[in-house]
Amino acid sequence: MKRIIGFIFIGVIATTTSCKKYLDINQDPNNATSATPELILPQAITGTAANINGFNSYGAQLTGFMANAGGYGGFGTSITYNFSSGDFAGRWSTTYDNLEDYQAIINKTDGDATYSYFNAAARIMRALSFQLLVDAYNDVPYTEALKGADNLTPAYTDAKSIYEDLASELDKAIAAINTGHTTPGVVELNGSDVLFHGNVDKWKQFANTLKLRILIHGFGKATFANSNFDPVGFLDKDALINPGYRRDNGRQSPKWDSWGFSATGSDANKAWMPNIFVFSFYNGTKLVDDGRGAALYYHFPGGTGTNRLGVESNSLVSSPSGSFWYPSDNRDGKTAGAATGALKGPEAGMPVITAAESYFLQAEGVLKGIIQTGDDAALFNEGIAASFDYLYQLPDGTHAVDPAADVATYLSDNDASYLVNYSLAASPEQKLEAIITQKYIALNFVNSDEAWNEYRRTHYPAINNDAGATGIETFASSVSQSTRPDHLPTRILYPTNEGAYNSTNVPKNISPFTSTIFWAQ
């Protein structure tokens, strides 16, 4: 186990420090022969955790979870939205770098039934990574991608077609797991699996849940060959990547390393603070949520600094050591941790899809007829309860307190709002608003990019587009240069390297204000 973990964190260091992995397993991009699937898979999944952390930070800035903190300036395009090809460029490079590893596993295991479980896991994680890319960029290299030196300038594939194929790929992954069940001598995932620890039924649930997300995003926009799901069902537990994170250089949870403290105890990023807009769903302005507010934020409610994105003022408070998203009073970076919320501590697993998101996806799936059985109201309430459960967890998976009583209090305190009391939603549109708003709350600083995707897809949570709208009414920056009615961007731009090295194929005339993802409004 020690040797495997050491390998994993070499992968983490490499994937988070450069777009080139200097310790890459793939010395020859056409012949990845220097490592076995058992060694590639754990470092690849751990690399995905680091990548998801970057997507969380990107989404938190755009969807109203973060605003610029006091004591800092020069936020530039972060607050104007007039993005350049250099903004968020790491999302592209690290995702494709990570995809190379999953493709290496698939290349090694295709046609070998004894490695069916590894093939399936890599195929599922490849689908997840490509969905991240499509949701950020729309058309991306797909069909011709990941071929190494055989094709250094791959053509771009239509985003809708990618989505349709990703759903089919997830079906193939589930079929591969079923093949593994009947294959003598099949190689178990076991210690190579830092996500579900060898539980292949959980991998099937994960594939079902990811496929449901793809079908819901693409609903009415894409045509899927198979809209059915494996009988194993959907995730009912949080999917957390954890290769053995601990307080040590290069081995901390990537979210803690980015937003809490370094392994030596120094402060991580302090340039951001909670946004007034999302805070209003906790402090009673829109909804009352004392339980999750206290679990998530430092000194909630009165001592938590907030701001509207774009407001730069010397009167703004600075982010404390460990950030406002670390709720504990222990601000000693060498001992801090063991907390609730989204950061929790250096040992906490990195969420890929939480049970809360799974339940809200299922609720919308039932509402729209994508799932033929189930009770959308019951699933909605399960989503709320699962959000409390995740935020109340400590890094070791135990709970600081049982969240059940606070869930009941939340439902009671907000009984008059259809955003909480689903029975009051008088139309399918109000039900959808309730589902997406609760998902927005549940994804706050957890998987923030998915909240950004959902806003662009549904325009929920609802915001006020009128001139002079306050930070409680909208999460758009006060100095936005967007020409859209909601004053928000639509996407980020293709990175500089694509324009330099794949200029023939990279889409032209892409605007952060008018070019949309295919499923977006």
Protein backbone atom coordinates (compact mmCIF):
# COMPACT_ATOMS: atom_id res chain seq x y z
CA MET A 1 0.00 0.00 0.00
CA LYS A 2 2.81 2.44 0.80
CA ARG A 3 4.32 1.94 -2.62
CA ILE A 4 0.95 2.53 -4.32
CA ILE A 5 0.24 5.70 -2.33
CA GLY A 6 3.69 7.02 -3.15
CA PHE A 7 2.98 6.48 -6.83
CA ILE A 8 -0.36 8.22 -6.52
CA PHE A 9 1.11 11.39 -5.09
CA ILE A 10 3.85 11.54 -7.67
CA GLY A 11 0.94 11.73 -10.11
CA VAL A 12 -0.70 14.50 -8.09
CA ILE A 13 2.41 16.62 -7.99
CA ALA A 14 2.94 16.17 -11.69
CA THR A 15 -0.63 16.94 -12.72
CA THR A 16 -0.93 20.04 -10.55
CA THR A 17 2.39 21.73 -11.26
CA SER A 18 2.57 21.69 -15.04
CA CYS A 19 0.72 20.79 -18.19
CA LYS A 20 3.59 18.36 -18.83
CA LYS A 21 3.97 15.48 -16.40
CA TYR A 22 7.73 15.17 -15.93
CA LEU A 23 7.20 11.90 -14.05
CA ASP A 24 4.56 10.69 -16.47
CA ILE A 25 3.93 7.01 -16.93
CA ASN A 26 3.51 7.70 -20.64
CA GLN A 27 7.03 8.36 -21.86
CA ASP A 28 5.99 7.33 -25.37
CA PRO A 29 2.53 8.78 -26.11
CA ASN A 30 1.84 5.99 -28.61
CA ASN A 31 3.01 3.10 -26.46
CA ALA A 32 2.22 3.53 -22.78
CA THR A 33 4.01 0.38 -21.70
CA SER A 34 5.92 1.48 -18.63
CA ALA A 35 3.16 0.84 -16.07
CA THR A 36 0.33 -1.60 -15.47
CA PRO A 37 -3.36 -0.68 -15.17
CA GLU A 38 -3.07 -1.39 -11.43
CA LEU A 39 -0.53 1.42 -11.13
CA ILE A 40 -2.00 3.84 -13.64
CA LEU A 41 -5.56 3.88 -12.26
CA PRO A 42 -4.92 5.22 -8.73
CA GLN A 43 -2.69 8.06 -9.89
CA ALA A 44 -5.16 8.90 -12.68
CA ILE A 45 -8.11 9.09 -10.26
CA THR A 46 -6.02 11.16 -7.85
CA GLY A 47 -5.16 13.46 -10.74
CA THR A 48 -8.89 13.83 -11.40
CA ALA A 49 -9.37 14.97 -7.80
CA ALA A 50 -6.81 17.74 -8.33
CA ASN A 51 -8.51 18.66 -11.58
CA ILE A 52 -11.98 18.76 -10.00
CA ASN A 53 -10.57 21.12 -7.38
CA GLY A 54 -9.64 23.53 -10.18
CA PHE A 55 -13.11 23.27 -11.69
CA ASN A 56 -14.63 23.95 -8.27
CA SER A 57 -12.62 27.18 -7.96
CA TYR A 58 -13.57 28.24 -11.49
CA GLY A 59 -17.25 27.59 -10.87
CA ALA A 60 -17.27 29.29 -7.48
CA GLN A 61 -16.06 32.54 -9.04
CA LEU A 62 -18.69 32.53 -11.79
CA THR A 63 -21.83 31.29 -10.04
CA GLY A 64 -22.08 33.57 -7.04
CA PHE A 65 -20.30 31.55 -4.35
CA MET A 66 -17.20 33.79 -4.22
CA ALA A 67 -16.47 37.48 -4.38
CA ASN A 68 -13.19 39.36 -4.23
CA ALA A 69 -11.94 39.95 -0.68
CA GLY A 70 -10.49 43.05 0.90
CA GLY A 71 -6.78 43.80 0.88
CA TYR A 72 -6.33 42.70 -2.72
CA GLY A 73 -6.63 44.36 -6.10
CA GLY A 74 -6.02 43.67 -9.75
CA PHE A 75 -8.84 41.18 -10.20
CA GLY A 76 -9.13 42.15 -13.87
CA THR A 77 -11.13 39.71 -15.96
CA SER A 78 -12.23 37.84 -12.83
CA ILE A 79 -14.67 40.67 -12.21
CA THR A 80 -15.23 42.07 -15.73
CA TYR A 81 -15.78 38.64 -17.37
CA ASN A 82 -14.03 39.89 -20.50
CA PHE A 83 -11.94 36.74 -20.57
CA SER A 84 -8.81 36.13 -22.59
CA SER A 85 -7.47 32.79 -23.78
CA GLY A 86 -5.17 32.75 -20.76
CA ASP A 87 -7.99 32.73 -18.22
CA PHE A 88 -8.67 29.33 -16.61
CA ALA A 89 -6.33 27.74 -19.17
CA GLY A 90 -5.36 25.06 -16.66
CA ARG A 91 -8.80 23.51 -16.94
CA TRP A 92 -7.97 22.43 -20.50
CA SER A 93 -4.40 21.25 -20.05
CA THR A 94 -4.85 19.31 -16.82
CA THR A 95 -8.03 17.59 -18.05
CA TYR A 96 -6.46 16.38 -21.29
CA ASP A 97 -3.33 15.35 -19.40
CA ASN A 98 -5.50 13.30 -17.07
CA LEU A 99 -7.43 11.83 -20.00
CA GLU A 100 -4.22 10.41 -21.45
CA ASP A 101 -3.91 8.13 -18.44
CA TYR A 102 -7.45 6.82 -18.72
CA GLN A 103 -6.94 6.26 -22.43
CA ALA A 104 -3.73 4.32 -21.66
CA ILE A 105 -5.72 1.97 -19.39
CA ILE A 106 -8.42 1.49 -22.03
CA ASN A 107 -5.80 0.79 -24.70
CA LYS A 108 -4.14 -1.80 -22.46
CA THR A 109 -7.35 -3.56 -21.38
CA ASP A 110 -9.69 -3.51 -24.38
CA GLY A 111 -10.51 -7.10 -25.35
CA ASP A 112 -9.07 -8.57 -22.14
CA ALA A 113 -12.03 -9.75 -20.06
CA THR A 114 -9.82 -10.30 -17.00
CA TYR A 115 -9.31 -6.52 -16.88
CA SER A 116 -12.98 -5.67 -17.41
CA TYR A 117 -13.23 -3.75 -14.12
CA PHE A 118 -10.22 -1.57 -14.94
CA ASN A 119 -11.52 -0.92 -18.43
CA ALA A 120 -14.90 0.08 -17.03
CA ALA A 121 -13.48 2.40 -14.36
CA ALA A 122 -11.23 4.14 -16.88
CA ARG A 123 -14.12 4.48 -19.35
CA ILE A 124 -16.35 6.04 -16.66
CA MET A 125 -13.67 8.48 -15.54
CA ARG A 126 -12.92 9.37 -19.16
CA ALA A 127 -16.60 10.18 -19.66
CA LEU A 128 -16.57 12.37 -16.54
CA SER A 129 -13.51 14.28 -17.76
CA PHE A 130 -14.90 14.84 -21.25
CA GLN A 131 -18.14 16.10 -19.77
CA LEU A 132 -16.16 18.62 -17.72
CA LEU A 133 -14.54 19.84 -20.94
CA VAL A 134 -17.76 20.07 -22.95
CA ASP A 135 -19.51 21.94 -20.13
CA ALA A 136 -16.71 24.49 -20.06
CA TYR A 137 -15.82 24.80 -23.77
CA ASN A 138 -18.60 23.19 -25.90
CA ASP A 139 -16.90 21.61 -28.96
CA VAL A 140 -13.59 19.95 -28.06
CA PRO A 141 -11.23 17.36 -29.61
CA TYR A 142 -12.87 14.00 -28.92
CA THR A 143 -13.03 11.48 -31.76
CA GLU A 144 -9.48 12.28 -32.90
CA ALA A 145 -8.12 13.08 -29.42
CA LEU A 146 -5.76 11.04 -27.22
CA LYS A 147 -3.90 9.46 -30.13
CA GLY A 148 -0.49 10.77 -29.09
CA ALA A 149 2.00 11.56 -31.84
CA ASP A 150 -0.30 9.95 -34.41
CA ASN A 151 -2.44 13.10 -34.37
CA LEU A 152 -1.06 16.25 -32.76
CA THR A 153 -3.74 18.51 -34.31
CA PRO A 154 -7.03 16.70 -33.69
CA ALA A 155 -10.26 17.98 -35.19
CA TYR A 156 -12.98 19.25 -32.87
CA THR A 157 -16.13 17.17 -32.38
CA ASP A 158 -19.58 18.69 -32.08
CA ALA A 159 -20.45 18.96 -28.39
CA LYS A 160 -23.90 17.41 -28.81
CA SER A 161 -22.37 14.38 -30.53
CA ILE A 162 -19.85 14.03 -27.71
CA TYR A 163 -22.65 13.98 -25.15
CA GLU A 164 -24.51 11.33 -27.11
CA ASP A 165 -21.40 9.17 -27.30
CA LEU A 166 -20.53 9.66 -23.62
CA ALA A 167 -23.89 8.15 -22.65
CA SER A 168 -23.10 5.14 -24.84
CA GLU A 169 -19.62 4.86 -23.33
CA LEU A 170 -21.15 4.66 -19.87
CA ASP A 171 -23.40 1.83 -21.08
CA LYS A 172 -20.26 0.06 -22.34
CA ALA A 173 -18.61 0.53 -18.96
CA ILE A 174 -21.55 -1.04 -17.15
CA ALA A 175 -21.52 -3.92 -19.65
CA ALA A 176 -17.80 -4.40 -18.98
CA ILE A 177 -18.45 -4.65 -15.24
CA ASN A 178 -21.15 -7.25 -15.89
CA THR A 179 -18.67 -9.16 -18.06
CA GLY A 180 -16.18 -9.08 -15.22
CA HIS A 181 -18.73 -10.67 -12.90
CA THR A 182 -18.72 -13.82 -15.06
CA THR A 183 -15.03 -13.92 -15.98
CA PRO A 184 -12.85 -16.46 -14.13
CA GLY A 185 -9.70 -14.85 -12.77
CA VAL A 186 -10.94 -11.28 -13.27
CA VAL A 187 -8.51 -8.78 -11.73
CA GLU A 188 -10.21 -6.98 -8.86
CA LEU A 189 -9.82 -3.23 -8.46
CA ASN A 190 -9.10 -3.43 -4.71
CA GLY A 191 -6.13 -1.23 -3.71
CA SER A 192 -6.00 0.47 -7.11
CA ASP A 193 -9.44 1.98 -6.54
CA VAL A 194 -9.14 5.19 -4.52
CA LEU A 195 -12.77 6.12 -5.24
CA PHE A 196 -14.97 3.11 -4.39
CA HIS A 197 -12.32 0.78 -2.96
CA GLY A 198 -13.14 -2.11 -5.26
CA ASN A 199 -16.94 -1.95 -4.98
CA VAL A 200 -17.94 -2.37 -8.63
CA ASP A 201 -21.65 -1.94 -7.87
CA LYS A 202 -20.79 1.57 -6.71
CA TRP A 203 -18.98 2.10 -10.01
CA LYS A 204 -22.18 1.08 -11.81
CA GLN A 205 -24.22 3.50 -9.67
CA PHE A 206 -21.68 6.20 -10.48
CA ALA A 207 -22.02 5.44 -14.22
CA ASN A 208 -25.82 5.57 -13.94
CA THR A 209 -25.67 8.91 -12.08
CA LEU A 210 -23.22 10.44 -14.53
CA LYS A 211 -25.36 9.25 -17.44
CA LEU A 212 -28.42 10.79 -15.79
CA ARG A 213 -26.57 14.10 -15.51
CA ILE A 214 -25.67 13.89 -19.20
CA LEU A 215 -29.26 13.06 -20.22
CA ILE A 216 -30.64 15.89 -18.10
CA HIS A 217 -28.16 18.45 -19.44
CA GLY A 218 -28.86 17.32 -23.00
CA PHE A 219 -32.63 16.97 -22.55
CA GLY A 220 -34.36 18.22 -25.69
CA LYS A 221 -31.03 19.09 -27.31
CA ALA A 222 -29.36 15.72 -27.94
CA THR A 223 -30.66 12.31 -29.04
CA PHE A 224 -29.51 9.38 -26.93
CA ALA A 225 -29.47 5.82 -28.24
CA ASN A 226 -30.42 4.36 -24.85
CA SER A 227 -32.19 6.29 -22.11
CA ASN A 228 -32.47 3.34 -19.73
CA PHE A 229 -30.41 2.74 -16.62
CA ASP A 230 -28.92 -0.35 -15.00
CA PRO A 231 -31.15 -1.76 -12.22
CA VAL A 232 -28.38 -1.16 -9.67
CA GLY A 233 -29.72 2.40 -9.34
CA PHE A 234 -28.00 5.69 -8.59
CA LEU A 235 -25.53 6.94 -6.00
CA ASP A 236 -26.94 7.11 -2.50
CA LYS A 237 -23.58 7.87 -0.87
CA ASP A 238 -21.06 10.59 -1.62
CA ALA A 239 -18.48 9.61 -4.25
CA LEU A 240 -15.22 10.82 -2.67
CA ILE A 241 -11.70 10.38 -4.03
CA ASN A 242 -9.23 9.73 -1.25
CA PRO A 243 -5.87 8.05 -1.93
CA GLY A 244 -4.81 8.55 1.69
CA TYR A 245 -4.70 12.33 1.99
CA ARG A 246 -2.84 13.59 5.02
CA ARG A 247 -1.07 16.69 6.32
CA ASP A 248 2.15 16.28 4.39
CA ASN A 249 3.83 18.02 1.48
CA GLY A 250 2.11 16.95 -1.75
CA ARG A 251 -0.31 14.63 0.06
CA GLN A 252 -3.01 16.98 1.31
CA SER A 253 -6.51 17.14 -0.07
CA PRO A 254 -6.25 19.50 -3.07
CA LYS A 255 -9.13 21.67 -1.86
CA TRP A 256 -7.50 22.11 1.56
CA ASP A 257 -4.17 22.88 -0.09
CA SER A 258 -5.81 25.54 -2.28
CA TRP A 259 -8.10 27.19 0.26
CA GLY A 260 -7.02 26.18 3.77
CA PHE A 261 -3.35 25.86 4.61
CA SER A 262 -0.22 24.46 3.05
CA ALA A 263 1.44 21.39 4.56
CA THR A 264 3.83 23.71 6.41
CA GLY A 265 0.94 25.68 7.92
CA SER A 266 1.10 28.81 5.78
CA ASP A 267 -2.06 30.42 4.48
CA ALA A 268 -3.50 29.29 1.18
CA ASN A 269 -5.57 31.58 -1.09
CA LYS A 270 -7.03 34.51 0.86
CA ALA A 271 -8.11 36.73 -2.04
CA TRP A 272 -11.75 35.58 -2.01
CA MET A 273 -14.68 35.73 0.38
CA PRO A 274 -18.32 34.54 0.36
CA ASN A 275 -20.67 36.26 -2.06
CA ILE A 276 -23.62 38.22 -0.65
CA PHE A 277 -25.96 36.44 -3.07
CA VAL A 278 -25.38 32.86 -1.89
CA PHE A 279 -25.14 34.00 1.74
CA SER A 280 -28.75 35.17 1.51
CA PHE A 281 -29.87 31.52 1.29
CA TYR A 282 -28.51 30.97 4.80
CA ASN A 283 -28.91 34.19 6.82
CA GLY A 284 -32.68 34.62 6.49
CA THR A 285 -32.74 37.11 3.61
CA LYS A 286 -34.10 34.48 1.22
CA LEU A 287 -34.11 31.35 3.39
CA VAL A 288 -33.15 30.48 6.96
CA ASP A 289 -30.39 27.87 7.20
CA ASP A 290 -28.50 28.28 10.46
CA GLY A 291 -27.33 24.66 10.46
CA ARG A 292 -25.55 24.51 7.12
CA GLY A 293 -24.46 28.14 7.45
CA ALA A 294 -22.58 27.35 10.66
CA ALA A 295 -21.21 24.10 9.24
CA LEU A 296 -19.85 25.88 6.16
CA TYR A 297 -18.77 29.40 7.15
CA TYR A 298 -16.42 30.92 9.71
CA HIS A 299 -18.32 32.71 12.51
CA PHE A 300 -21.68 32.47 10.74
CA PRO A 301 -23.67 34.67 10.45
CA GLY A 302 -22.46 37.92 11.97
CA GLY A 303 -18.74 37.31 11.74
CA THR A 304 -18.67 36.04 8.17
CA GLY A 305 -17.40 38.66 5.75
CA THR A 306 -19.29 38.95 2.46
CA ASN A 307 -19.04 41.05 -0.68
CA ARG A 308 -20.57 41.53 -4.08
CA LEU A 309 -18.25 40.44 -6.89
CA GLY A 310 -16.60 43.47 -8.45
CA VAL A 311 -16.75 45.79 -5.45
CA GLU A 312 -13.20 46.80 -4.58
CA SER A 313 -13.00 48.79 -1.37
CA ASN A 314 -10.42 49.35 1.35
CA SER A 315 -13.23 48.93 3.89
CA LEU A 316 -13.71 45.26 3.01
CA VAL A 317 -12.45 42.80 5.59
CA SER A 318 -9.67 40.44 4.59
CA SER A 319 -10.10 36.71 4.48
CA PRO A 320 -8.86 35.09 7.71
CA SER A 321 -6.20 32.40 7.84
CA GLY A 322 -7.77 29.23 6.50
CA SER A 323 -10.42 31.27 4.63
CA PHE A 324 -14.07 31.96 5.41
CA TRP A 325 -14.97 28.46 4.19
CA TYR A 326 -13.16 26.88 7.13
CA PRO A 327 -15.58 27.17 10.08
CA SER A 328 -13.32 26.16 12.99
CA ASP A 329 -11.72 28.56 15.47
CA ASN A 330 -8.48 26.59 15.23
CA ARG A 331 -6.57 28.79 12.77
CA ASP A 332 -3.19 27.20 13.40
CA GLY A 333 -2.27 25.88 9.97
CA LYS A 334 -0.15 23.08 11.43
CA THR A 335 -3.01 21.58 13.44
CA ALA A 336 -6.17 22.96 11.80
CA GLY A 337 -8.67 20.52 10.34
CA ALA A 338 -11.18 17.99 11.60
CA ALA A 339 -13.97 20.41 10.71
CA THR A 340 -17.33 20.34 8.95
CA GLY A 341 -18.27 22.08 5.72
CA ALA A 342 -16.63 22.00 2.32
CA LEU A 343 -12.96 22.17 3.38
CA LYS A 344 -12.99 19.90 6.46
CA GLY A 345 -9.24 19.29 6.65
CA PRO A 346 -6.15 17.98 4.84
CA GLU A 347 -7.38 14.37 5.08
CA ALA A 348 -10.82 14.93 3.57
CA GLY A 349 -11.86 13.13 0.39
CA MET A 350 -12.51 15.14 -2.76
CA PRO A 351 -16.17 14.98 -3.85
CA VAL A 352 -16.83 13.89 -7.42
CA ILE A 353 -20.62 13.59 -7.23
CA THR A 354 -22.31 13.88 -3.85
CA ALA A 355 -25.39 11.94 -2.81
CA ALA A 356 -27.20 15.29 -2.64
CA GLU A 357 -26.52 16.00 -6.32
CA SER A 358 -27.55 12.44 -7.19
CA TYR A 359 -30.92 12.83 -5.45
CA PHE A 360 -31.60 16.21 -7.08
CA LEU A 361 -30.73 14.74 -10.47
CA GLN A 362 -33.14 11.90 -9.81
CA ALA A 363 -35.87 14.34 -8.74
CA GLU A 364 -35.52 16.26 -12.01
CA GLY A 365 -35.29 12.98 -13.92
CA VAL A 366 -38.66 11.90 -12.51
CA LEU A 367 -40.15 15.36 -13.06
CA LYS A 368 -39.20 15.26 -16.76
CA GLY A 369 -40.00 11.59 -17.33
CA ILE A 370 -36.37 10.60 -17.93
CA ILE A 371 -36.74 8.20 -14.99
CA GLN A 372 -39.97 6.26 -15.23
CA THR A 373 -40.39 5.39 -11.56
CA GLY A 374 -39.89 7.31 -8.34
CA ASP A 375 -41.30 10.19 -6.32
CA ASP A 376 -39.77 13.55 -7.18
CA ALA A 377 -40.93 15.10 -3.88
CA ALA A 378 -39.35 12.33 -1.82
CA LEU A 379 -36.13 12.51 -3.84
CA PHE A 380 -36.07 16.31 -3.39
CA ASN A 381 -36.25 15.91 0.38
CA GLU A 382 -33.58 13.19 0.27
CA GLY A 383 -31.36 15.67 -1.55
CA ILE A 384 -31.74 18.26 1.20
CA ALA A 385 -31.02 15.67 3.89
CA ALA A 386 -27.97 14.39 1.99
CA SER A 387 -26.58 17.92 1.70
CA PHE A 388 -26.77 18.34 5.48
CA ASP A 389 -25.20 14.91 5.90
CA TYR A 390 -22.20 15.77 3.71
CA LEU A 391 -21.56 19.19 5.24
CA TYR A 392 -21.83 17.83 8.79
CA GLN A 393 -19.26 15.12 8.09
CA LEU A 394 -15.76 15.38 9.47
CA PRO A 395 -12.80 14.27 7.30
CA ASP A 396 -13.02 10.70 8.63
CA GLY A 397 -16.69 10.38 7.60
CA THR A 398 -18.12 10.64 11.11
CA HIS A 399 -20.44 13.48 12.07
CA ALA A 400 -19.84 16.36 14.45
CA VAL A 401 -23.53 16.13 15.36
CA ASP A 402 -26.43 14.17 13.91
CA PRO A 403 -27.86 16.42 11.17
CA ALA A 404 -31.40 14.98 11.38
CA ALA A 405 -32.69 17.56 13.86
CA ASP A 406 -31.28 20.45 11.84
CA VAL A 407 -32.84 19.07 8.66
CA ALA A 408 -36.23 19.08 10.41
CA THR A 409 -35.62 22.63 11.65
CA TYR A 410 -34.72 23.79 8.15
CA LEU A 411 -37.90 22.31 6.68
CA SER A 412 -39.96 23.90 9.45
CA ASP A 413 -38.29 27.33 9.31
CA ASN A 414 -38.88 27.56 5.55
CA ASP A 415 -42.25 25.82 5.40
CA ALA A 416 -43.87 28.74 3.55
CA SER A 417 -41.36 28.70 0.67
CA TYR A 418 -41.82 26.37 -2.31
CA LEU A 419 -38.03 26.41 -2.64
CA VAL A 420 -37.99 24.18 0.45
CA ASN A 421 -41.56 22.92 0.82
CA TYR A 422 -41.90 21.11 -2.51
CA SER A 423 -45.64 20.55 -2.03
CA LEU A 424 -46.15 24.31 -2.49
CA ALA A 425 -44.59 24.31 -5.97
CA ALA A 426 -47.65 24.93 -8.14
CA SER A 427 -46.24 24.07 -11.55
CA PRO A 428 -43.50 21.96 -13.17
CA GLU A 429 -41.48 25.16 -13.61
CA GLN A 430 -41.69 25.99 -9.90
CA LYS A 431 -40.73 22.41 -9.08
CA LEU A 432 -37.70 22.71 -11.36
CA GLU A 433 -36.77 26.01 -9.71
CA ALA A 434 -36.98 24.38 -6.28
CA ILE A 435 -34.81 21.43 -7.36
CA ILE A 436 -32.11 23.57 -8.99
CA THR A 437 -32.08 26.14 -6.18
CA GLN A 438 -31.60 23.43 -3.58
CA LYS A 439 -28.91 21.85 -5.75
CA TYR A 440 -27.24 25.28 -5.94
CA ILE A 441 -27.16 25.46 -2.15
CA ALA A 442 -25.88 21.89 -1.85
CA LEU A 443 -23.08 22.50 -4.38
CA ASN A 444 -21.84 25.68 -2.70
CA PHE A 445 -18.03 25.35 -2.67
CA VAL A 446 -18.48 21.56 -2.96
CA ASN A 447 -18.69 21.09 -6.76
CA SER A 448 -19.26 24.69 -7.75
CA ASP A 449 -18.77 24.20 -11.49
CA GLU A 450 -21.88 22.04 -11.63
CA ALA A 451 -23.90 24.84 -10.01
CA TRP A 452 -22.58 27.15 -12.75
CA ASN A 453 -23.60 24.61 -15.40
CA GLU A 454 -27.08 24.38 -13.91
CA TYR A 455 -27.55 28.13 -13.83
CA ARG A 456 -26.58 28.40 -17.50
CA ARG A 457 -28.93 25.52 -18.35
CA THR A 458 -31.99 26.60 -16.33
CA HIS A 459 -31.36 30.21 -15.17
CA TYR A 460 -31.97 29.09 -11.59
CA PRO A 461 -31.52 30.27 -8.94
CA ALA A 462 -33.50 33.24 -10.20
CA ILE A 463 -31.71 36.58 -10.32
CA ASN A 464 -32.82 40.17 -10.95
CA ASN A 465 -31.52 41.46 -14.29
CA ASP A 466 -32.67 45.06 -13.81
CA ALA A 467 -30.16 47.90 -13.77
CA GLY A 468 -29.20 48.73 -10.21
CA ALA A 469 -29.95 45.25 -8.85
CA THR A 470 -28.18 44.64 -5.56
CA GLY A 471 -25.83 41.85 -4.60
CA ILE A 472 -28.64 40.06 -2.81
CA GLU A 473 -30.66 40.04 -6.05
CA THR A 474 -27.95 38.97 -8.50
CA PHE A 475 -24.54 37.35 -8.43
CA ALA A 476 -23.37 39.20 -11.57
CA SER A 477 -20.32 41.36 -10.98
CA SER A 478 -20.97 45.03 -10.33
CA VAL A 479 -18.39 45.86 -13.04
CA SER A 480 -19.47 43.23 -15.54
CA GLN A 481 -18.74 43.96 -19.19
CA SER A 482 -21.15 41.25 -20.36
CA THR A 483 -23.68 42.31 -22.98
CA ARG A 484 -26.19 39.66 -21.88
CA PRO A 485 -29.41 40.56 -20.04
CA ASP A 486 -28.17 38.72 -16.95
CA HIS A 487 -24.79 40.52 -17.17
CA LEU A 488 -22.97 37.18 -16.88
CA PRO A 489 -20.56 35.37 -19.19
CA THR A 490 -21.58 32.29 -21.13
CA ARG A 491 -18.28 30.40 -21.13
CA ILE A 492 -14.50 30.58 -20.97
CA LEU A 493 -12.25 30.69 -24.04
CA TYR A 494 -10.05 28.08 -25.67
CA PRO A 495 -6.51 28.32 -24.29
CA THR A 496 -3.66 30.10 -26.02
CA ASN A 497 -1.86 26.86 -26.87
CA GLU A 498 -4.76 25.66 -28.99
CA GLY A 499 -4.65 28.82 -31.05
CA ALA A 500 -0.90 28.39 -31.49
CA TYR A 501 -0.62 24.66 -32.18
CA ASN A 502 -4.05 23.61 -33.46
CA SER A 503 -5.11 26.82 -35.15
CA THR A 504 -6.67 25.07 -38.16
CA ASN A 505 -9.19 23.24 -36.02
CA VAL A 506 -9.87 25.42 -32.98
CA PRO A 507 -13.26 27.19 -33.33
CA LYS A 508 -12.95 30.84 -34.28
CA ASN A 509 -14.72 34.00 -33.10
CA ILE A 510 -15.67 32.59 -29.72
CA SER A 511 -17.07 35.21 -27.35
CA PRO A 512 -17.47 34.90 -23.58
CA PHE A 513 -20.77 36.79 -23.93
CA THR A 514 -22.47 35.34 -27.00
CA SER A 515 -21.05 31.83 -27.57
CA THR A 516 -22.99 29.29 -25.53
CA ILE A 517 -22.63 25.65 -24.54
CA PHE A 518 -25.08 23.63 -26.64
CA TRP A 519 -27.39 22.88 -23.70
CA ALA A 520 -27.42 26.44 -22.32
CA GLN A 521 -30.09 29.13 -22.49
